[in-house]
Amino acid sequence: MRHGNKVNHLGRTHSHRKAMLSNMASSLILHKRIETTLAKAKELKKFVEPLLTRAKEDTTHNRRIAFGYLNDKESVKELFGTVSDKIANRPGGYTRIIKLGNRLGDAAEVALMELVDFNDALLLANADKPVKTRRSRRGGKKEGAETSAVEAAPAAAPKADFTIVPEDEAPEAPKAESDESQEDAKSE
């Protein structure tokens, strides 16, 4: 019986589990995102977050501890180099787990695990996103939610009922001479 033992053994012996988590952590640090099962991703989060916290302070002691967990020189270099520079100001929560659905063969829940500060598309999207206004259930506006009629007008604009076709795919229009061009030709 488990009786308060909160570790998920993942159906492996201690040495196999330790080696697997070490390899997955190295892959996560080197590639910035990996795809794995949800249970492994949750366990990897517990394994790699303390290492990322240690990487914020570059000392020989912290490097040796990280190498003891990872057993890979390249991933330790990457961890204390580019990764630690990106996460220097973050107080925690260095990883993100995104559920992807079930795997076809065995219906295991699959997840994408990534380092939060390395997802450039999401970082750019959050930077460009406008601040949303909040309204109460009664329909009245709350503080800080005032918008002028000028700001609200573009949001209410009707959508266009056409699609834009690139120039190289657009059909050529027949050339018709206008009346002015015909008159210019006659006068010459």
Protein backbone atom coordinates (compact mmCIF):
# COMPACT_ATOMS: atom_id res chain seq x y z
CA MET A 1 0.00 0.00 0.00
CA ARG A 2 1.16 3.50 -0.78
CA HIS A 3 0.06 5.21 2.50
CA GLY A 4 0.97 8.80 1.73
CA ASN A 5 3.72 8.04 -0.78
CA LYS A 6 3.09 10.74 -3.36
CA VAL A 7 5.61 9.66 -5.97
CA ASN A 8 4.34 8.05 -9.17
CA HIS A 9 6.61 5.11 -9.99
CA LEU A 10 5.39 5.06 -13.60
CA GLY A 11 5.57 1.25 -13.62
CA ARG A 12 9.38 1.24 -13.41
CA THR A 13 12.11 0.36 -10.97
CA HIS A 14 13.87 3.18 -9.11
CA SER A 15 16.95 3.15 -11.35
CA HIS A 16 14.91 3.00 -14.56
CA ARG A 17 12.66 5.86 -13.43
CA LYS A 18 15.65 7.97 -12.42
CA ALA A 19 17.40 7.38 -15.77
CA MET A 20 14.22 8.09 -17.73
CA LEU A 21 13.55 11.38 -15.92
CA SER A 22 17.19 12.39 -16.36
CA ASN A 23 17.05 11.75 -20.11
CA MET A 24 13.71 13.52 -20.48
CA ALA A 25 15.00 16.55 -18.55
CA SER A 26 18.08 16.71 -20.77
CA SER A 27 15.90 16.56 -23.88
CA LEU A 28 13.61 19.27 -22.52
CA ILE A 29 16.55 21.57 -21.79
CA LEU A 30 18.21 20.98 -25.17
CA HIS A 31 15.08 21.07 -27.37
CA LYS A 32 12.88 23.39 -25.24
CA ARG A 33 9.80 21.20 -25.75
CA ILE A 34 9.03 17.49 -25.77
CA GLU A 35 5.96 15.35 -26.35
CA THR A 36 5.26 12.63 -23.80
CA THR A 37 2.46 11.10 -21.75
CA LEU A 38 0.67 13.28 -19.23
CA ALA A 39 1.81 11.22 -16.22
CA LYS A 40 5.46 11.42 -17.27
CA ALA A 41 5.14 15.15 -17.93
CA LYS A 42 3.77 15.76 -14.43
CA GLU A 43 6.62 13.79 -12.87
CA LEU A 44 9.18 15.53 -15.09
CA LYS A 45 7.88 18.89 -13.89
CA LYS A 46 8.69 17.91 -10.29
CA PHE A 47 12.14 16.74 -11.42
CA VAL A 48 13.22 19.65 -13.61
CA GLU A 49 11.78 22.74 -11.85
CA PRO A 50 14.26 22.59 -8.91
CA LEU A 51 17.12 22.25 -11.42
CA LEU A 52 15.91 25.34 -13.25
CA THR A 53 15.78 27.24 -9.96
CA ARG A 54 19.36 26.20 -9.19
CA ALA A 55 20.47 27.34 -12.65
CA LYS A 56 19.58 30.95 -11.80
CA GLU A 57 22.68 31.11 -9.59
CA ASP A 58 25.73 29.95 -11.54
CA THR A 59 28.06 28.41 -8.97
CA THR A 60 30.29 25.35 -9.12
CA HIS A 61 28.16 23.67 -6.46
CA ASN A 62 24.94 24.18 -8.44
CA ARG A 63 26.60 22.96 -11.64
CA ARG A 64 27.75 19.77 -9.90
CA ILE A 65 24.30 19.11 -8.47
CA ALA A 66 22.70 19.67 -11.90
CA PHE A 67 25.23 17.34 -13.50
CA GLY A 68 24.43 14.73 -10.83
CA TYR A 69 20.80 14.81 -11.94
CA LEU A 70 21.27 15.19 -15.70
CA ASN A 71 24.52 13.25 -16.39
CA ASP A 72 25.01 15.21 -19.63
CA LYS A 73 27.57 17.98 -20.10
CA GLU A 74 25.82 19.59 -23.06
CA SER A 75 22.50 19.95 -21.27
CA VAL A 76 24.25 21.42 -18.19
CA LYS A 77 25.98 23.98 -20.45
CA GLU A 78 22.66 24.86 -22.08
CA LEU A 79 20.93 25.02 -18.69
CA PHE A 80 23.42 27.43 -17.17
CA GLY A 81 23.83 29.38 -20.43
CA THR A 82 20.78 30.30 -22.50
CA VAL A 83 18.07 28.85 -20.26
CA SER A 84 19.23 30.57 -17.08
CA ASP A 85 19.42 33.93 -18.90
CA LYS A 86 15.79 33.64 -20.01
CA ILE A 87 14.37 32.54 -16.63
CA ALA A 88 16.44 34.91 -14.48
CA ASN A 89 13.50 37.18 -13.54
CA ARG A 90 10.81 34.49 -13.31
CA PRO A 91 9.94 33.52 -9.71
CA GLY A 92 8.89 29.96 -10.62
CA GLY A 93 6.65 28.08 -13.04
CA TYR A 94 9.29 27.54 -15.70
CA THR A 95 7.45 24.76 -17.57
CA ARG A 96 4.05 24.41 -19.21
CA ILE A 97 2.08 21.23 -19.88
CA ILE A 98 -0.39 21.31 -22.78
CA LYS A 99 -2.73 18.32 -23.19
CA LEU A 100 -2.86 17.01 -26.75
CA GLY A 101 -5.47 14.26 -26.48
CA ASN A 102 -5.15 10.49 -26.55
CA ARG A 103 -2.54 8.42 -28.38
CA LEU A 104 -3.87 6.15 -31.11
CA GLY A 105 -2.22 2.88 -30.12
CA ASP A 106 -2.92 2.63 -26.40
CA ALA A 107 -5.19 5.65 -25.74
CA ALA A 108 -2.66 7.15 -23.32
CA GLU A 109 -3.11 10.86 -22.61
CA VAL A 110 -0.40 12.72 -24.53
CA ALA A 111 0.93 16.13 -23.51
CA LEU A 112 3.39 18.68 -24.82
CA MET A 113 5.82 19.95 -22.19
CA GLU A 114 7.73 23.13 -22.91
CA LEU A 115 9.82 25.79 -21.25
CA VAL A 116 7.57 28.83 -20.83
CA ASP A 117 10.06 31.54 -21.85
CA PHE A 118 11.01 29.85 -25.12
CA ASN A 119 7.60 29.83 -26.84
CA ASP A 120 8.11 32.90 -29.06
CA ALA A 121 4.73 32.70 -30.81
CA LEU A 122 2.83 32.77 -27.52
CA LEU A 123 5.03 35.53 -26.08
CA LEU A 124 4.40 37.74 -29.13
CA ALA A 125 0.67 37.03 -29.07
CA ASN A 126 0.42 38.02 -25.39
CA ALA A 127 2.37 41.23 -26.01
CA ASP A 128 0.01 42.36 -28.79
CA LYS A 129 -3.21 41.36 -27.02
CA PRO A 130 -5.29 44.35 -25.85
CA VAL A 131 -6.51 44.53 -22.28
CA LYS A 132 -10.07 43.24 -22.00
CA THR A 133 -12.75 45.29 -20.29
CA ARG A 134 -14.95 43.66 -17.68
CA ARG A 135 -18.66 44.19 -17.20
CA SER A 136 -20.94 43.26 -14.36
CA ARG A 137 -23.87 40.92 -14.83
CA ARG A 138 -26.31 43.83 -14.72
CA GLY A 139 -24.75 45.32 -17.83
CA GLY A 140 -23.19 48.30 -16.13
CA LYS A 141 -19.56 49.14 -16.62
CA LYS A 142 -17.00 48.59 -13.87
CA GLU A 143 -14.14 50.91 -13.04
CA GLY A 144 -11.48 51.10 -15.71
CA ALA A 145 -13.81 49.68 -18.33
CA GLU A 146 -14.74 52.95 -20.01
CA THR A 147 -14.46 52.93 -23.76
CA SER A 148 -15.33 55.79 -26.05
CA ALA A 149 -17.66 55.51 -29.01
CA VAL A 150 -14.69 55.95 -31.34
CA GLU A 151 -12.94 52.88 -29.87
CA ALA A 152 -16.11 50.77 -29.98
CA ALA A 153 -16.93 51.64 -33.62
CA PRO A 154 -14.20 49.56 -35.36
CA ALA A 155 -15.21 46.47 -33.40
CA ALA A 156 -18.75 46.72 -34.77
CA ALA A 157 -17.63 46.98 -38.41
CA PRO A 158 -19.18 44.31 -40.67
CA LYS A 159 -16.95 41.51 -41.87
CA ALA A 160 -15.96 41.46 -45.53
CA ASP A 161 -17.65 38.80 -47.63
CA PHE A 162 -14.66 38.13 -49.89
CA THR A 163 -11.30 36.47 -49.65
CA ILE A 164 -7.97 37.93 -50.63
CA VAL A 165 -6.20 36.02 -53.38
CA PRO A 166 -2.44 36.43 -53.86
CA GLU A 167 -1.41 38.29 -57.02
CA ASP A 168 0.24 35.31 -58.64
CA GLU A 169 -3.00 33.28 -58.36
CA ALA A 170 -5.38 36.06 -59.43
CA PRO A 171 -6.86 35.73 -62.93
CA GLU A 172 -5.93 38.47 -65.39
CA ALA A 173 -8.69 40.91 -66.24
CA PRO A 174 -9.37 41.55 -69.96
CA LYS A 175 -7.85 44.81 -71.15
CA ALA A 176 -10.50 47.28 -72.23
CA GLU A 177 -9.54 50.68 -73.53
CA SER A 178 -11.30 53.55 -71.82
CA ASP A 179 -12.97 56.39 -73.70
CA GLU A 180 -10.24 58.83 -72.70
CA SER A 181 -7.46 56.66 -74.08
CA GLN A 182 -9.39 56.28 -77.36
CA GLU A 183 -9.85 60.05 -77.63
CA ASP A 184 -6.14 60.62 -76.96
CA ALA A 185 -5.26 58.18 -79.71
CA LYS A 186 -7.58 59.96 -82.22
CA SER A 187 -6.22 63.42 -81.42
CA GLU A 188 -2.61 62.34 -82.09
